[in-house]
Amino acid sequence: MARVLLALVIVVVAFTVYALVDCLMLQKARVRALPRAAWFFIVLLFPVIGGLLWFFIGRGRPVASAPRRRVMGPDDDPDFLGSVRPVRDPDEDERIRELEKRLAETDDDADPGRTDR
């Protein structure tokens, strides 16, 4: 008889602890009927009945929310990338060609023994 009573006490304590933790960790929007602090004290003062009341009355169903939009940077957003078009300046193209030509000449001057031209 003592073992059954001990097992029953362990089950009641585990159920009460689970109900208390669930009460404290649940989203505020899902707590129904009473404030969270009131539910905490009800579960604490009336272990079995308070826990059952919490799970059947105080714990609400998940709140359906609007689907979340994924936040992404502008470099990952295809709409943004499609709207941005680089403006090419013809003078800039000419400067780039001139710089590439000078760079090639500098490379040739720096390595006179090169034979892979």
N, C-alpha and C. Protein backbone atom coordinates (compact mmCIF):
# COMPACT_ATOMS: atom_id res chain seq x y z
N MET A 1 0.81 -1.19 0.00
CA MET A 1 0.00 0.00 0.00
C MET A 1 0.86 1.26 0.00
N ALA A 2 1.99 1.20 0.71
CA ALA A 2 2.88 2.36 0.78
C ALA A 2 3.49 2.66 -0.58
N ARG A 3 3.80 1.61 -1.35
CA ARG A 3 4.38 1.82 -2.67
C ARG A 3 3.39 2.48 -3.62
N VAL A 4 2.14 2.07 -3.54
CA VAL A 4 1.10 2.66 -4.39
C VAL A 4 0.92 4.13 -4.04
N LEU A 5 0.91 4.42 -2.74
CA LEU A 5 0.76 5.80 -2.29
C LEU A 5 1.96 6.64 -2.74
N LEU A 6 3.17 6.09 -2.62
CA LEU A 6 4.37 6.79 -3.06
C LEU A 6 4.33 7.05 -4.58
N ALA A 7 3.91 6.06 -5.33
CA ALA A 7 3.80 6.23 -6.78
C ALA A 7 2.76 7.29 -7.13
N LEU A 8 1.66 7.30 -6.40
CA LEU A 8 0.61 8.29 -6.63
C LEU A 8 1.11 9.70 -6.32
N VAL A 9 1.86 9.84 -5.24
CA VAL A 9 2.43 11.15 -4.89
C VAL A 9 3.40 11.62 -5.97
N ILE A 10 4.22 10.71 -6.48
CA ILE A 10 5.17 11.07 -7.53
C ILE A 10 4.44 11.51 -8.81
N VAL A 11 3.38 10.80 -9.15
CA VAL A 11 2.59 11.16 -10.34
C VAL A 11 1.94 12.53 -10.15
N VAL A 12 1.40 12.80 -8.97
CA VAL A 12 0.74 14.08 -8.71
C VAL A 12 1.76 15.22 -8.76
N VAL A 13 2.93 15.01 -8.16
CA VAL A 13 3.96 16.05 -8.18
C VAL A 13 4.45 16.30 -9.62
N ALA A 14 4.66 15.24 -10.38
CA ALA A 14 5.10 15.40 -11.77
C ALA A 14 4.04 16.12 -12.59
N PHE A 15 2.78 15.75 -12.42
CA PHE A 15 1.69 16.42 -13.15
C PHE A 15 1.60 17.89 -12.77
N THR A 16 1.74 18.19 -11.49
CA THR A 16 1.67 19.58 -11.04
C THR A 16 2.83 20.40 -11.59
N VAL A 17 4.02 19.84 -11.55
CA VAL A 17 5.19 20.56 -12.09
C VAL A 17 5.02 20.79 -13.59
N TYR A 18 4.54 19.78 -14.30
CA TYR A 18 4.31 19.93 -15.74
C TYR A 18 3.28 21.01 -16.02
N ALA A 19 2.19 21.04 -15.25
CA ALA A 19 1.15 22.05 -15.44
C ALA A 19 1.68 23.45 -15.12
N LEU A 20 2.49 23.58 -14.09
CA LEU A 20 3.06 24.88 -13.73
C LEU A 20 4.00 25.38 -14.82
N VAL A 21 4.86 24.52 -15.30
CA VAL A 21 5.80 24.92 -16.35
C VAL A 21 5.05 25.27 -17.63
N ASP A 22 4.04 24.47 -17.96
CA ASP A 22 3.23 24.76 -19.14
C ASP A 22 2.52 26.10 -19.00
N CYS A 23 2.01 26.38 -17.83
CA CYS A 23 1.32 27.64 -17.57
C CYS A 23 2.27 28.82 -17.73
N LEU A 24 3.49 28.67 -17.26
CA LEU A 24 4.46 29.77 -17.35
C LEU A 24 5.04 29.95 -18.75
N MET A 25 5.14 28.87 -19.51
CA MET A 25 5.80 28.94 -20.81
C MET A 25 4.86 29.18 -21.99
N LEU A 26 3.57 29.05 -21.79
CA LEU A 26 2.62 29.20 -22.88
C LEU A 26 2.54 30.66 -23.33
N GLN A 27 2.30 30.86 -24.61
CA GLN A 27 2.18 32.22 -25.14
C GLN A 27 1.04 32.94 -24.44
N LYS A 28 1.23 34.23 -24.23
CA LYS A 28 0.25 35.02 -23.50
C LYS A 28 -1.10 35.03 -24.22
N ALA A 29 -1.09 35.00 -25.53
CA ALA A 29 -2.33 35.06 -26.31
C ALA A 29 -3.17 33.79 -26.15
N ARG A 30 -2.56 32.70 -25.72
CA ARG A 30 -3.28 31.43 -25.60
C ARG A 30 -3.85 31.18 -24.20
N VAL A 31 -3.54 32.03 -23.23
CA VAL A 31 -4.06 31.86 -21.87
C VAL A 31 -5.48 32.40 -21.84
N ARG A 32 -6.44 31.56 -21.41
CA ARG A 32 -7.84 31.96 -21.41
C ARG A 32 -8.39 32.08 -20.00
N ALA A 33 -9.51 32.79 -19.89
CA ALA A 33 -10.36 32.89 -18.71
C ALA A 33 -9.77 33.73 -17.57
N LEU A 34 -8.55 33.49 -17.17
CA LEU A 34 -7.93 34.22 -16.06
C LEU A 34 -6.52 34.64 -16.46
N PRO A 35 -5.95 35.59 -15.73
CA PRO A 35 -4.54 35.94 -15.98
C PRO A 35 -3.62 34.76 -15.64
N ARG A 36 -2.46 34.78 -16.21
CA ARG A 36 -1.49 33.71 -16.01
C ARG A 36 -1.14 33.52 -14.53
N ALA A 37 -0.97 34.62 -13.81
CA ALA A 37 -0.61 34.52 -12.38
C ALA A 37 -1.71 33.80 -11.59
N ALA A 38 -2.96 34.08 -11.92
CA ALA A 38 -4.06 33.41 -11.23
C ALA A 38 -4.04 31.91 -11.52
N TRP A 39 -3.79 31.53 -12.76
CA TRP A 39 -3.70 30.10 -13.10
C TRP A 39 -2.54 29.44 -12.37
N PHE A 40 -1.43 30.16 -12.27
CA PHE A 40 -0.27 29.60 -11.57
C PHE A 40 -0.63 29.26 -10.12
N PHE A 41 -1.29 30.20 -9.45
CA PHE A 41 -1.63 29.95 -8.04
C PHE A 41 -2.73 28.89 -7.90
N ILE A 42 -3.65 28.81 -8.84
CA ILE A 42 -4.67 27.76 -8.79
C ILE A 42 -4.03 26.38 -8.92
N VAL A 43 -3.10 26.26 -9.88
CA VAL A 43 -2.43 24.96 -10.07
C VAL A 43 -1.56 24.64 -8.87
N LEU A 44 -0.94 25.65 -8.28
CA LEU A 44 -0.07 25.42 -7.13
C LEU A 44 -0.86 25.05 -5.87
N LEU A 45 -2.00 25.71 -5.65
CA LEU A 45 -2.78 25.48 -4.42
C LEU A 45 -3.65 24.23 -4.51
N PHE A 46 -4.14 23.90 -5.69
CA PHE A 46 -4.99 22.72 -5.88
C PHE A 46 -4.33 21.83 -6.92
N PRO A 47 -3.35 21.02 -6.53
CA PRO A 47 -2.50 20.32 -7.49
C PRO A 47 -3.23 19.55 -8.59
N VAL A 48 -4.07 18.63 -8.28
CA VAL A 48 -4.69 17.81 -9.33
C VAL A 48 -5.82 18.58 -10.01
N ILE A 49 -6.72 19.14 -9.23
CA ILE A 49 -7.86 19.85 -9.79
C ILE A 49 -7.40 21.11 -10.54
N GLY A 50 -6.45 21.83 -9.97
CA GLY A 50 -5.93 23.03 -10.63
C GLY A 50 -5.26 22.70 -11.95
N GLY A 51 -4.49 21.62 -11.99
CA GLY A 51 -3.85 21.22 -13.24
C GLY A 51 -4.86 20.82 -14.30
N LEU A 52 -5.88 20.08 -13.88
CA LEU A 52 -6.93 19.69 -14.83
C LEU A 52 -7.68 20.91 -15.34
N LEU A 53 -8.01 21.84 -14.43
CA LEU A 53 -8.68 23.07 -14.87
C LEU A 53 -7.80 23.85 -15.85
N TRP A 54 -6.52 23.90 -15.55
CA TRP A 54 -5.60 24.61 -16.46
C TRP A 54 -5.65 23.99 -17.85
N PHE A 55 -5.53 22.68 -17.95
CA PHE A 55 -5.46 22.04 -19.27
C PHE A 55 -6.80 22.07 -20.01
N PHE A 56 -7.93 22.06 -19.29
CA PHE A 56 -9.22 22.05 -19.98
C PHE A 56 -9.83 23.44 -20.18
N ILE A 57 -9.52 24.39 -19.32
CA ILE A 57 -10.13 25.72 -19.43
C ILE A 57 -9.10 26.80 -19.76
N GLY A 58 -8.00 26.82 -19.02
CA GLY A 58 -7.05 27.93 -19.13
C GLY A 58 -6.16 27.89 -20.35
N ARG A 59 -5.90 26.71 -20.85
CA ARG A 59 -4.98 26.57 -21.98
C ARG A 59 -5.78 26.62 -23.27
N GLY A 60 -5.61 27.72 -24.01
CA GLY A 60 -6.35 27.88 -25.25
C GLY A 60 -5.67 27.20 -26.42
N ARG A 61 -6.40 27.17 -27.52
CA ARG A 61 -5.86 26.59 -28.74
C ARG A 61 -4.90 27.56 -29.40
N PRO A 62 -4.05 27.05 -30.28
CA PRO A 62 -3.11 27.95 -30.96
C PRO A 62 -3.87 29.00 -31.76
N VAL A 63 -3.34 30.21 -31.72
CA VAL A 63 -3.93 31.32 -32.43
C VAL A 63 -3.47 31.26 -33.88
N ALA A 64 -4.44 31.24 -34.79
CA ALA A 64 -4.09 31.23 -36.22
C ALA A 64 -3.62 32.63 -36.59
N SER A 65 -2.44 32.71 -37.08
CA SER A 65 -1.89 34.01 -37.46
C SER A 65 -1.68 34.04 -38.97
N ALA A 66 -1.49 35.22 -39.46
CA ALA A 66 -1.22 35.39 -40.88
C ALA A 66 0.13 34.76 -41.20
N PRO A 67 0.27 34.20 -42.38
CA PRO A 67 1.56 33.61 -42.72
C PRO A 67 2.66 34.66 -42.69
N ARG A 68 3.77 34.29 -42.13
CA ARG A 68 4.89 35.22 -42.03
C ARG A 68 5.60 35.34 -43.36
N ARG A 69 5.97 36.56 -43.66
CA ARG A 69 6.76 36.79 -44.86
C ARG A 69 8.22 36.63 -44.49
N ARG A 70 8.93 35.99 -45.34
CA ARG A 70 10.35 35.79 -45.10
C ARG A 70 11.08 37.09 -45.38
N VAL A 71 11.88 37.53 -44.43
CA VAL A 71 12.64 38.76 -44.61
C VAL A 71 13.91 38.42 -45.37
N MET A 72 14.15 39.16 -46.42
CA MET A 72 15.35 38.91 -47.20
C MET A 72 16.01 40.23 -47.56
N GLY A 73 17.27 40.17 -47.76
CA GLY A 73 18.02 41.35 -48.15
C GLY A 73 17.75 41.72 -49.60
N PRO A 74 18.05 42.95 -49.97
CA PRO A 74 17.77 43.37 -51.34
C PRO A 74 18.56 42.58 -52.38
N ASP A 75 19.72 42.06 -52.01
CA ASP A 75 20.50 41.31 -52.99
C ASP A 75 19.93 39.91 -53.22
N ASP A 76 18.97 39.46 -52.40
CA ASP A 76 18.32 38.16 -52.58
C ASP A 76 16.91 38.29 -53.16
N ASP A 77 16.41 39.51 -53.27
CA ASP A 77 15.04 39.74 -53.72
C ASP A 77 15.01 39.90 -55.24
N PRO A 78 14.41 38.93 -55.97
CA PRO A 78 14.40 39.02 -57.42
C PRO A 78 13.62 40.22 -57.94
N ASP A 79 12.58 40.65 -57.22
CA ASP A 79 11.82 41.82 -57.67
C ASP A 79 12.69 43.08 -57.61
N PHE A 80 13.44 43.21 -56.52
CA PHE A 80 14.31 44.37 -56.39
C PHE A 80 15.42 44.34 -57.43
N LEU A 81 16.02 43.17 -57.61
CA LEU A 81 17.10 43.07 -58.58
C LEU A 81 16.61 43.35 -60.00
N GLY A 82 15.37 42.97 -60.31
CA GLY A 82 14.83 43.26 -61.63
C GLY A 82 14.57 44.73 -61.85
N SER A 83 14.30 45.46 -60.76
CA SER A 83 14.01 46.88 -60.90
C SER A 83 15.28 47.73 -60.99
N VAL A 84 16.39 47.18 -60.59
CA VAL A 84 17.64 47.93 -60.62
C VAL A 84 18.40 47.56 -61.89
N ARG A 85 18.59 48.54 -62.71
CA ARG A 85 19.36 48.31 -63.93
C ARG A 85 20.58 49.21 -63.89
N PRO A 86 21.74 48.65 -64.07
CA PRO A 86 22.93 49.49 -64.03
C PRO A 86 22.93 50.46 -65.22
N VAL A 87 23.25 51.69 -64.94
CA VAL A 87 23.34 52.71 -65.98
C VAL A 87 24.78 52.73 -66.47
N ARG A 88 24.96 52.41 -67.74
CA ARG A 88 26.31 52.35 -68.30
C ARG A 88 26.61 53.66 -69.02
N ASP A 89 27.74 54.19 -68.70
CA ASP A 89 28.20 55.44 -69.32
C ASP A 89 29.21 55.07 -70.41
N PRO A 90 29.03 55.54 -71.64
CA PRO A 90 29.99 55.20 -72.70
C PRO A 90 31.40 55.68 -72.38
N ASP A 91 31.52 56.82 -71.69
CA ASP A 91 32.86 57.31 -71.31
C ASP A 91 33.49 56.35 -70.30
N GLU A 92 32.68 55.77 -69.44
CA GLU A 92 33.21 54.82 -68.46
C GLU A 92 33.75 53.58 -69.15
N ASP A 93 33.03 53.09 -70.15
CA ASP A 93 33.52 51.94 -70.91
C ASP A 93 34.87 52.25 -71.56
N GLU A 94 35.01 53.44 -72.10
CA GLU A 94 36.27 53.83 -72.74
C GLU A 94 37.39 53.92 -71.70
N ARG A 95 37.11 54.46 -70.52
CA ARG A 95 38.13 54.54 -69.46
C ARG A 95 38.55 53.14 -69.02
N ILE A 96 37.59 52.23 -68.93
CA ILE A 96 37.92 50.86 -68.52
C ILE A 96 38.83 50.21 -69.56
N ARG A 97 38.50 50.39 -70.85
CA ARG A 97 39.37 49.82 -71.90
C ARG A 97 40.78 50.41 -71.84
N GLU A 98 40.88 51.71 -71.60
CA GLU A 98 42.19 52.36 -71.51
C GLU A 98 42.98 51.84 -70.30
N LEU A 99 42.30 51.67 -69.16
CA LEU A 99 42.98 51.14 -67.98
C LEU A 99 43.44 49.70 -68.19
N GLU A 100 42.61 48.89 -68.86
CA GLU A 100 43.02 47.51 -69.15
C GLU A 100 44.22 47.48 -70.09
N LYS A 101 44.24 48.39 -71.04
CA LYS A 101 45.36 48.46 -71.98
C LYS A 101 46.65 48.85 -71.24
N ARG A 102 46.56 49.86 -70.36
CA ARG A 102 47.75 50.27 -69.59
C ARG A 102 48.20 49.16 -68.65
N LEU A 103 47.25 48.44 -68.06
CA LEU A 103 47.59 47.34 -67.17
C LEU A 103 48.31 46.24 -67.94
N ALA A 104 47.84 45.94 -69.14
CA ALA A 104 48.50 44.93 -69.96
C ALA A 104 49.91 45.37 -70.33
N GLU A 105 50.08 46.65 -70.65
CA GLU A 105 51.42 47.16 -70.97
C GLU A 105 52.33 47.09 -69.75
N THR A 106 51.78 47.40 -68.58
CA THR A 106 52.58 47.35 -67.35
C THR A 106 53.00 45.92 -67.05
N ASP A 107 52.10 44.96 -67.27
CA ASP A 107 52.44 43.57 -67.05
C ASP A 107 53.54 43.12 -68.01
N ASP A 108 53.47 43.58 -69.27
CA ASP A 108 54.49 43.22 -70.25
C ASP A 108 55.83 43.81 -69.87
N ASP A 109 55.84 45.06 -69.36
CA ASP A 109 57.09 45.71 -68.98
C ASP A 109 57.68 45.08 -67.73
N ALA A 110 56.87 44.59 -66.83
CA ALA A 110 57.34 44.04 -65.57
C ALA A 110 57.99 42.68 -65.75
N ASP A 111 57.65 41.91 -66.78
CA ASP A 111 58.18 40.57 -66.99
C ASP A 111 58.68 40.45 -68.41
N PRO A 112 59.91 40.96 -68.68
CA PRO A 112 60.42 40.95 -70.06
C PRO A 112 60.77 39.54 -70.55
N GLY A 113 61.03 38.59 -69.68
CA GLY A 113 61.42 37.26 -70.09
C GLY A 113 60.25 36.33 -70.37
N ARG A 114 59.07 36.86 -70.37
CA ARG A 114 57.88 36.03 -70.58
C ARG A 114 57.76 35.62 -72.05
N THR A 115 57.39 34.36 -72.28
CA THR A 115 57.34 33.87 -73.66
C THR A 115 55.94 33.41 -74.04
N ASP A 116 54.97 33.58 -73.23
CA ASP A 116 53.64 33.05 -73.52
C ASP A 116 52.71 34.07 -74.15
N ARG A 117 53.25 35.04 -74.86
CA ARG A 117 52.40 36.07 -75.47
C ARG A 117 51.78 35.59 -76.70
